[in-house]
């Protein structure tokens, strides 16, 4: 279920996906809700493009660290490619 930011106050949020299109964000919300995965979503900027780099806005999906593996499996089963773990 979609959670408010206060849900993550004492938890480490893990980025699992960046939706670059509204259609993808809405579909992913349906999938995560159906799977019973608690998640947070916020808009943020990312850089896109190869030759002409631009700043774009996307929907960033987060889950508590303890649920990251399950959330990634749900994404893969539904043809979404999870975000890579950030470098240490």
PDB file of N, CA and C in Angstrom:
ATOM      1  N   UNK A   1       0.834  -1.177   0.000  1.00  0.00           N
ATOM      2  CA  UNK A   1       0.000   0.000   0.000  1.00  0.00           C
ATOM      3  C   UNK A   1       0.885   1.248   0.000  1.00  0.00           C
ATOM      4  N   UNK A   2       0.400   2.276  -0.647  1.00  0.00           N
ATOM      5  CA  UNK A   2       1.125   3.537  -0.687  1.00  0.00           C
ATOM      6  C   UNK A   2       1.131   4.151   0.710  1.00  0.00           C
ATOM      7  N   UNK A   3       2.315   4.571   1.146  1.00  0.00           N
ATOM      8  CA  UNK A   3       2.493   5.106   2.492  1.00  0.00           C
ATOM      9  C   UNK A   3       2.911   6.572   2.444  1.00  0.00           C
ATOM     10  N   UNK A   4       2.609   7.259   3.505  1.00  0.00           N
ATOM     11  CA  UNK A   4       3.018   8.649   3.668  1.00  0.00           C
ATOM     12  C   UNK A   4       4.496   8.699   4.070  1.00  0.00           C
ATOM     13  N   UNK A   5       5.157   9.848   3.897  1.00  0.00           N
ATOM     14  CA  UNK A   5       6.577   9.963   4.277  1.00  0.00           C
ATOM     15  C   UNK A   5       6.856   9.586   5.739  1.00  0.00           C
ATOM     16  N   UNK A   6       5.899   9.820   6.633  1.00  0.00           N
ATOM     17  CA  UNK A   6       6.105   9.497   8.048  1.00  0.00           C
ATOM     18  C   UNK A   6       6.334   7.997   8.264  1.00  0.00           C
ATOM     19  N   UNK A   7       5.853   7.162   7.352  1.00  0.00           N
ATOM     20  CA  UNK A   7       6.048   5.711   7.432  1.00  0.00           C
ATOM     21  C   UNK A   7       7.529   5.352   7.409  1.00  0.00           C
ATOM     22  N   UNK A   8       8.340   6.179   6.747  1.00  0.00           N
ATOM     23  CA  UNK A   8       9.764   5.902   6.587  1.00  0.00           C
ATOM     24  C   UNK A   8      10.635   6.612   7.612  1.00  0.00           C
ATOM     25  N   UNK A   9      10.054   7.276   8.604  1.00  0.00           N
ATOM     26  CA  UNK A   9      10.844   8.066   9.557  1.00  0.00           C
ATOM     27  C   UNK A   9      11.932   7.271  10.255  1.00  0.00           C
ATOM     28  N   UNK A  10      11.650   6.081  10.713  1.00  0.00           N
ATOM     29  CA  UNK A  10      12.646   5.274  11.428  1.00  0.00           C
ATOM     30  C   UNK A  10      13.092   4.067  10.612  1.00  0.00           C
ATOM     31  N   UNK A  11      12.937   4.166   9.308  1.00  0.00           N
ATOM     32  CA  UNK A  11      13.301   3.068   8.420  1.00  0.00           C
ATOM     33  C   UNK A  11      14.200   3.595   7.316  1.00  0.00           C
ATOM     34  N   UNK A  12      15.018   2.717   6.787  1.00  0.00           N
ATOM     35  CA  UNK A  12      15.882   3.100   5.677  1.00  0.00           C
ATOM     36  C   UNK A  12      15.145   2.835   4.361  1.00  0.00           C
ATOM     37  N   UNK A  13      14.767   3.884   3.617  1.00  0.00           N
ATOM     38  CA  UNK A  13      14.096   3.653   2.335  1.00  0.00           C
ATOM     39  C   UNK A  13      15.102   3.257   1.259  1.00  0.00           C
ATOM     40  N   UNK A  14      14.683   2.343   0.398  1.00  0.00           N
ATOM     41  CA  UNK A  14      15.518   1.859  -0.691  1.00  0.00           C
ATOM     42  C   UNK A  14      14.802   2.167  -2.004  1.00  0.00           C
ATOM     43  N   UNK A  15      15.500   2.794  -2.926  1.00  0.00           N
ATOM     44  CA  UNK A  15      14.948   3.089  -4.236  1.00  0.00           C
ATOM     45  C   UNK A  15      14.849   1.792  -5.041  1.00  0.00           C
ATOM     46  N   UNK A  16      13.631   1.495  -5.531  1.00  0.00           N
ATOM     47  CA  UNK A  16      13.471   0.272  -6.320  1.00  0.00           C
ATOM     48  C   UNK A  16      13.168   0.552  -7.791  1.00  0.00           C
ATOM     49  N   UNK A  17      12.654   1.761  -8.087  1.00  0.00           N
ATOM     50  CA  UNK A  17      12.292   2.034  -9.469  1.00  0.00           C
ATOM     51  C   UNK A  17      12.099   3.531  -9.688  1.00  0.00           C
ATOM     52  N   UNK A  18      12.458   4.001 -10.884  1.00  0.00           N
ATOM     53  CA  UNK A  18      12.174   5.370 -11.299  1.00  0.00           C
ATOM     54  C   UNK A  18      11.267   5.286 -12.517  1.00  0.00           C
ATOM     55  N   UNK A  19      10.013   5.723 -12.352  1.00  0.00           N
ATOM     56  CA  UNK A  19       9.066   5.725 -13.474  1.00  0.00           C
ATOM     57  C   UNK A  19       9.258   7.023 -14.247  1.00  0.00           C
ATOM     58  N   UNK A  20       9.562   6.887 -15.504  1.00  0.00           N
ATOM     59  CA  UNK A  20       9.801   8.059 -16.346  1.00  0.00           C
ATOM     60  C   UNK A  20       8.531   8.534 -17.045  1.00  0.00           C
ATOM     61  N   UNK A  21       7.495   7.690 -17.019  1.00  0.00           N
ATOM     62  CA  UNK A  21       6.212   8.031 -17.629  1.00  0.00           C
ATOM     63  C   UNK A  21       5.102   7.837 -16.607  1.00  0.00           C
ATOM     64  N   UNK A  22       4.099   8.698 -16.659  1.00  0.00           N
ATOM     65  CA  UNK A  22       2.970   8.607 -15.738  1.00  0.00           C
ATOM     66  C   UNK A  22       2.272   7.257 -15.862  1.00  0.00           C
ATOM     67  N   UNK A  23       2.125   6.773 -17.073  1.00  0.00           N
ATOM     68  CA  UNK A  23       1.469   5.484 -17.306  1.00  0.00           C
ATOM     69  C   UNK A  23       2.186   4.358 -16.546  1.00  0.00           C
ATOM     70  N   UNK A  24       3.523   4.365 -16.569  1.00  0.00           N
ATOM     71  CA  UNK A  24       4.294   3.350 -15.848  1.00  0.00           C
ATOM     72  C   UNK A  24       4.127   3.490 -14.344  1.00  0.00           C
ATOM     73  N   UNK A  25       4.114   4.722 -13.850  1.00  0.00           N
ATOM     74  CA  UNK A  25       3.959   4.956 -12.411  1.00  0.00           C
ATOM     75  C   UNK A  25       2.606   4.448 -11.921  1.00  0.00           C
ATOM     76  N   UNK A  26       1.554   4.739 -12.666  1.00  0.00           N
ATOM     77  CA  UNK A  26       0.219   4.290 -12.263  1.00  0.00           C
ATOM     78  C   UNK A  26       0.105   2.773 -12.309  1.00  0.00           C
ATOM     79  N   UNK A  27       0.687   2.164 -13.329  1.00  0.00           N
ATOM     80  CA  UNK A  27       0.660   0.697 -13.427  1.00  0.00           C
ATOM     81  C   UNK A  27       1.436   0.058 -12.276  1.00  0.00           C
ATOM     82  N   UNK A  28       2.596   0.628 -11.948  1.00  0.00           N
ATOM     83  CA  UNK A  28       3.397   0.082 -10.856  1.00  0.00           C
ATOM     84  C   UNK A  28       2.676   0.227  -9.517  1.00  0.00           C
ATOM     85  N   UNK A  29       1.989   1.335  -9.313  1.00  0.00           N
ATOM     86  CA  UNK A  29       1.217   1.488  -8.070  1.00  0.00           C
ATOM     87  C   UNK A  29       0.173   0.387  -7.947  1.00  0.00           C
ATOM     88  N   UNK A  30      -0.527   0.076  -9.033  1.00  0.00           N
ATOM     89  CA  UNK A  30      -1.520  -1.004  -9.022  1.00  0.00           C
ATOM     90  C   UNK A  30      -0.871  -2.341  -8.679  1.00  0.00           C
ATOM     91  N   UNK A  31       0.273  -2.606  -9.280  1.00  0.00           N
ATOM     92  CA  UNK A  31       0.975  -3.872  -9.060  1.00  0.00           C
ATOM     93  C   UNK A  31       1.423  -3.997  -7.609  1.00  0.00           C
ATOM     94  N   UNK A  32       2.050  -2.946  -7.077  1.00  0.00           N
ATOM     95  CA  UNK A  32       2.531  -2.997  -5.692  1.00  0.00           C
ATOM     96  C   UNK A  32       1.370  -3.113  -4.708  1.00  0.00           C
ATOM     97  N   UNK A  33       0.270  -2.412  -4.961  1.00  0.00           N
ATOM     98  CA  UNK A  33      -0.908  -2.519  -4.099  1.00  0.00           C
ATOM     99  C   UNK A  33      -1.474  -3.938  -4.130  1.00  0.00           C
ATOM    100  N   UNK A  34      -1.581  -4.520  -5.320  1.00  0.00           N
ATOM    101  CA  UNK A  34      -2.111  -5.882  -5.453  1.00  0.00           C
ATOM    102  C   UNK A  34      -1.231  -6.902  -4.742  1.00  0.00           C
ATOM    103  N   UNK A  35       0.082  -6.654  -4.733  1.00  0.00           N
ATOM    104  CA  UNK A  35       1.025  -7.571  -4.090  1.00  0.00           C
ATOM    105  C   UNK A  35       1.134  -7.327  -2.589  1.00  0.00           C
ATOM    106  N   UNK A  36       0.489  -6.275  -2.081  1.00  0.00           N
ATOM    107  CA  UNK A  36       0.549  -5.978  -0.651  1.00  0.00           C
ATOM    108  C   UNK A  36       1.882  -5.410  -0.199  1.00  0.00           C
ATOM    109  N   UNK A  37       2.600  -4.750  -1.100  1.00  0.00           N
ATOM    110  CA  UNK A  37       3.909  -4.177  -0.782  1.00  0.00           C
ATOM    111  C   UNK A  37       3.723  -2.739  -0.302  1.00  0.00           C
ATOM    112  N   UNK A  38       4.279  -2.414   0.865  1.00  0.00           N
ATOM    113  CA  UNK A  38       4.271  -1.034   1.359  1.00  0.00           C
ATOM    114  C   UNK A  38       5.349  -0.260   0.618  1.00  0.00           C
ATOM    115  N   UNK A  39       4.992   0.909   0.094  1.00  0.00           N
ATOM    116  CA  UNK A  39       5.932   1.695  -0.684  1.00  0.00           C
ATOM    117  C   UNK A  39       5.623   3.172  -0.522  1.00  0.00           C
ATOM    118  N   UNK A  40       6.604   3.977  -0.860  1.00  0.00           N
ATOM    119  CA  UNK A  40       6.437   5.423  -0.928  1.00  0.00           C
ATOM    120  C   UNK A  40       6.825   5.869  -2.320  1.00  0.00           C
ATOM    121  N   UNK A  41       6.237   6.959  -2.769  1.00  0.00           N
ATOM    122  CA  UNK A  41       6.560   7.477  -4.095  1.00  0.00           C
ATOM    123  C   UNK A  41       6.643   8.992  -4.005  1.00  0.00           C
ATOM    124  N   UNK A  42       7.653   9.546  -4.666  1.00  0.00           N
ATOM    125  CA  UNK A  42       7.804  10.998  -4.710  1.00  0.00           C
ATOM    126  C   UNK A  42       8.390  11.385  -6.060  1.00  0.00           C
ATOM    127  N   UNK A  43       8.121  12.609  -6.461  1.00  0.00           N
ATOM    128  CA  UNK A  43       8.719  13.091  -7.707  1.00  0.00           C
ATOM    129  C   UNK A  43      10.095  13.668  -7.396  1.00  0.00           C
ATOM    130  N   UNK A  44      10.992  13.483  -8.338  1.00  0.00           N
ATOM    131  CA  UNK A  44      12.332  14.023  -8.200  1.00  0.00           C
ATOM    132  C   UNK A  44      12.921  14.151  -9.594  1.00  0.00           C
ATOM    133  N   UNK A  45      14.075  14.768  -9.682  1.00  0.00           N
ATOM    134  CA  UNK A  45      14.723  14.973 -10.966  1.00  0.00           C
ATOM    135  C   UNK A  45      15.777  13.899 -11.223  1.00  0.00           C
ATOM    136  N   UNK A  46      15.934  13.569 -12.497  1.00  0.00           N
ATOM    137  CA  UNK A  46      17.001  12.668 -12.926  1.00  0.00           C
ATOM    138  C   UNK A  46      17.535  13.192 -14.248  1.00  0.00           C
ATOM    139  N   UNK A  47      18.715  12.758 -14.616  1.00  0.00           N
ATOM    140  CA  UNK A  47      19.318  13.186 -15.883  1.00  0.00           C
ATOM    141  C   UNK A  47      19.056  12.116 -16.932  1.00  0.00           C
ATOM    142  N   UNK A  48      18.660  12.549 -18.118  1.00  0.00           N
ATOM    143  CA  UNK A  48      18.371  11.627 -19.208  1.00  0.00           C
ATOM    144  C   UNK A  48      19.002  12.105 -20.496  1.00  0.00           C
ATOM    145  N   UNK A  49      19.034  11.224 -21.460  1.00  0.00           N
ATOM    146  CA  UNK A  49      19.596  11.567 -22.761  1.00  0.00           C
ATOM    147  C   UNK A  49      21.040  11.114 -22.881  1.00  0.00           C
ATOM    148  N   UNK A  50      21.466  10.888 -24.115  1.00  0.00           N
ATOM    149  CA  UNK A  50      22.837  10.446 -24.365  1.00  0.00           C
ATOM    150  C   UNK A  50      23.659  11.604 -24.923  1.00  0.00           C
ATOM    151  N   UNK A  51      23.204  12.135 -26.013  1.00  0.00           N
ATOM    152  CA  UNK A  51      23.939  13.239 -26.639  1.00  0.00           C
ATOM    153  C   UNK A  51      23.531  14.566 -26.007  1.00  0.00           C
ATOM    154  N   UNK A  52      22.234  14.780 -25.907  1.00  0.00           N
ATOM    155  CA  UNK A  52      21.712  16.012 -25.318  1.00  0.00           C
ATOM    156  C   UNK A  52      21.166  15.698 -23.928  1.00  0.00           C
ATOM    157  N   UNK A  53      22.011  15.826 -22.924  1.00  0.00           N
ATOM    158  CA  UNK A  53      21.631  15.534 -21.543  1.00  0.00           C
ATOM    159  C   UNK A  53      20.654  16.592 -21.048  1.00  0.00           C
ATOM    160  N   UNK A  54      19.554  16.131 -20.463  1.00  0.00           N
ATOM    161  CA  UNK A  54      18.561  17.048 -19.907  1.00  0.00           C
ATOM    162  C   UNK A  54      18.148  16.569 -18.529  1.00  0.00           C
ATOM    163  N   UNK A  55      17.606  17.481 -17.756  1.00  0.00           N
ATOM    164  CA  UNK A  55      17.062  17.141 -16.447  1.00  0.00           C
ATOM    165  C   UNK A  55      15.573  16.900 -16.633  1.00  0.00           C
ATOM    166  N   UNK A  56      15.109  15.772 -16.155  1.00  0.00           N
ATOM    167  CA  UNK A  56      13.705  15.381 -16.295  1.00  0.00           C
ATOM    168  C   UNK A  56      13.134  15.060 -14.924  1.00  0.00           C
ATOM    169  N   UNK A  57      11.818  14.937 -14.851  1.00  0.00           N
ATOM    170  CA  UNK A  57      11.147  14.608 -13.591  1.00  0.00           C
ATOM    171  C   UNK A  57      10.519  13.229 -13.720  1.00  0.00           C
ATOM    172  N   UNK A  58      10.692  12.417 -12.675  1.00  0.00           N
ATOM    173  CA  UNK A  58      10.115  11.076 -12.657  1.00  0.00           C
ATOM    174  C   UNK A  58       9.525  10.770 -11.302  1.00  0.00           C
ATOM    175  N   UNK A  59       8.848   9.639 -11.211  1.00  0.00           N
ATOM    176  CA  UNK A  59       8.276   9.157  -9.953  1.00  0.00           C
ATOM    177  C   UNK A  59       9.245   8.124  -9.376  1.00  0.00           C
ATOM    178  N   UNK A  60       9.799   8.428  -8.210  1.00  0.00           N
ATOM    179  CA  UNK A  60      10.768   7.558  -7.557  1.00  0.00           C
ATOM    180  C   UNK A  60      10.034   6.695  -6.531  1.00  0.00           C
ATOM    181  N   UNK A  61      10.134   5.384  -6.665  1.00  0.00           N
ATOM    182  CA  UNK A  61       9.457   4.438  -5.772  1.00  0.00           C
ATOM    183  C   UNK A  61      10.443   3.888  -4.747  1.00  0.00           C
ATOM    184  N   UNK A  62      10.054   3.944  -3.481  1.00  0.00           N
ATOM    185  CA  UNK A  62      10.878   3.483  -2.368  1.00  0.00           C
ATOM    186  C   UNK A  62      10.121   2.439  -1.553  1.00  0.00           C
ATOM    187  N   UNK A  63      10.866   1.526  -0.968  1.00  0.00           N
ATOM    188  CA  UNK A  63      10.318   0.560  -0.016  1.00  0.00           C
ATOM    189  C   UNK A  63      11.260   0.504   1.185  1.00  0.00           C
ATOM    190  N   UNK A  64      10.764   0.032   2.342  1.00  0.00           N
ATOM    191  CA  UNK A  64      11.680  -0.178   3.467  1.00  0.00           C
ATOM    192  C   UNK A  64      12.747  -1.201   3.081  1.00  0.00           C
ATOM    193  N   UNK A  65      13.943  -1.023   3.590  1.00  0.00           N
ATOM    194  CA  UNK A  65      15.071  -1.899   3.226  1.00  0.00           C
ATOM    195  C   UNK A  65      14.752  -3.370   3.427  1.00  0.00           C
ATOM    196  N   UNK A  66      14.009  -3.690   4.468  1.00  0.00           N
ATOM    197  CA  UNK A  66      13.707  -5.096   4.753  1.00  0.00           C
ATOM    198  C   UNK A  66      12.740  -5.710   3.736  1.00  0.00           C
ATOM    199  N   UNK A  67      12.091  -4.892   2.906  1.00  0.00           N
ATOM    200  CA  UNK A  67      11.156  -5.396   1.894  1.00  0.00           C
ATOM    201  C   UNK A  67      11.685  -5.233   0.469  1.00  0.00           C
ATOM    202  N   UNK A  68      12.915  -4.770   0.325  1.00  0.00           N
ATOM    203  CA  UNK A  68      13.455  -4.460  -0.998  1.00  0.00           C
ATOM    204  C   UNK A  68      13.532  -5.682  -1.904  1.00  0.00           C
ATOM    205  N   UNK A  69      13.976  -6.806  -1.392  1.00  0.00           N
ATOM    206  CA  UNK A  69      14.130  -8.001  -2.221  1.00  0.00           C
ATOM    207  C   UNK A  69      12.778  -8.486  -2.738  1.00  0.00           C
ATOM    208  N   UNK A  70      11.784  -8.517  -1.880  1.00  0.00           N
ATOM    209  CA  UNK A  70      10.442  -8.940  -2.298  1.00  0.00           C
ATOM    210  C   UNK A  70       9.886  -7.974  -3.340  1.00  0.00           C
ATOM    211  N   UNK A  71      10.078  -6.681  -3.123  1.00  0.00           N
ATOM    212  CA  UNK A  71       9.575  -5.676  -4.073  1.00  0.00           C
ATOM    213  C   UNK A  71      10.251  -5.831  -5.432  1.00  0.00           C
ATOM    214  N   UNK A  72      11.547  -6.101  -5.434  1.00  0.00           N
ATOM    215  CA  UNK A  72      12.262  -6.290  -6.702  1.00  0.00           C
ATOM    216  C   UNK A  72      11.746  -7.524  -7.454  1.00  0.00           C
ATOM    217  N   UNK A  73      11.423  -8.584  -6.723  1.00  0.00           N
ATOM    218  CA  UNK A  73      10.867  -9.778  -7.348  1.00  0.00           C
ATOM    219  C   UNK A  73       9.508  -9.482  -7.977  1.00  0.00           C
ATOM    220  N   UNK A  74       8.695  -8.684  -7.293  1.00  0.00           N
ATOM    221  CA  UNK A  74       7.389  -8.289  -7.835  1.00  0.00           C
ATOM    222  C   UNK A  74       7.586  -7.488  -9.128  1.00  0.00           C
ATOM    223  N   UNK A  75       8.554  -6.577  -9.114  1.00  0.00           N
ATOM    224  CA  UNK A  75       8.835  -5.797 -10.320  1.00  0.00           C
ATOM    225  C   UNK A  75       9.227  -6.710 -11.487  1.00  0.00           C
ATOM    226  N   UNK A  76      10.137  -7.618 -11.246  1.00  0.00           N
ATOM    227  CA  UNK A  76      10.618  -8.511 -12.303  1.00  0.00           C
ATOM    228  C   UNK A  76       9.503  -9.382 -12.867  1.00  0.00           C
ATOM    229  N   UNK A  77       8.628  -9.889 -11.998  1.00  0.00           N
ATOM    230  CA  UNK A  77       7.506 -10.720 -12.448  1.00  0.00           C
ATOM    231  C   UNK A  77       6.546  -9.939 -13.340  1.00  0.00           C
ATOM    232  N   UNK A  78       6.571  -8.616 -13.221  1.00  0.00           N
ATOM    233  CA  UNK A  78       5.649  -7.776 -13.975  1.00  0.00           C
ATOM    234  C   UNK A  78       6.355  -6.947 -15.049  1.00  0.00           C
ATOM    235  N   UNK A  79       7.502  -7.418 -15.491  1.00  0.00           N
ATOM    236  CA  UNK A  79       8.260  -6.825 -16.611  1.00  0.00           C
ATOM    237  C   UNK A  79       8.803  -5.420 -16.337  1.00  0.00           C
ATOM    238  N   UNK A  80       9.075  -5.108 -15.087  1.00  0.00           N
ATOM    239  CA  UNK A  80       9.763  -3.861 -14.722  1.00  0.00           C
ATOM    240  C   UNK A  80      11.193  -4.219 -14.345  1.00  0.00           C
ATOM    241  N   UNK A  81      12.143  -3.390 -14.711  1.00  0.00           N
ATOM    242  CA  UNK A  81      13.541  -3.593 -14.344  1.00  0.00           C
ATOM    243  C   UNK A  81      13.838  -2.750 -13.116  1.00  0.00           C
ATOM    244  N   UNK A  82      14.107  -3.399 -11.978  1.00  0.00           N
ATOM    245  CA  UNK A  82      14.376  -2.632 -10.743  1.00  0.00           C
ATOM    246  C   UNK A  82      15.621  -1.763 -10.873  1.00  0.00           C
ATOM    247  N   UNK A  83      15.628  -0.671 -10.126  1.00  0.00           N
ATOM    248  CA  UNK A  83      16.824   0.173 -10.055  1.00  0.00           C
ATOM    249  C   UNK A  83      17.933  -0.619  -9.394  1.00  0.00           C
ATOM    250  N   UNK A  84      19.139  -0.347  -9.824  1.00  0.00           N
ATOM    251  CA  UNK A  84      20.312  -0.992  -9.230  1.00  0.00           C
ATOM    252  C   UNK A  84      20.537  -0.444  -7.830  1.00  0.00           C
ATOM    253  N   UNK A  85      21.167  -1.252  -6.985  1.00  0.00           N
ATOM    254  CA  UNK A  85      21.555  -0.765  -5.668  1.00  0.00           C
ATOM    255  C   UNK A  85      22.562   0.374  -5.860  1.00  0.00           C
ATOM    256  N   UNK A  86      22.440   1.444  -5.073  1.00  0.00           N
ATOM    257  CA  UNK A  86      23.401   2.531  -5.222  1.00  0.00           C
ATOM    258  C   UNK A  86      24.795   2.054  -4.836  1.00  0.00           C
ATOM    259  N   UNK A  87      25.829   2.626  -5.441  1.00  0.00           N
ATOM    260  CA  UNK A  87      27.203   2.229  -5.100  1.00  0.00           C
ATOM    261  C   UNK A  87      27.524   2.528  -3.651  1.00  0.00           C
ATOM    262  N   UNK A  88      28.312   1.676  -3.047  1.00  0.00           N
ATOM    263  CA  UNK A  88      28.659   1.851  -1.621  1.00  0.00           C
ATOM    264  C   UNK A  88      29.720   2.903  -1.440  1.00  0.00           C
TER     265      UNK A  88
END
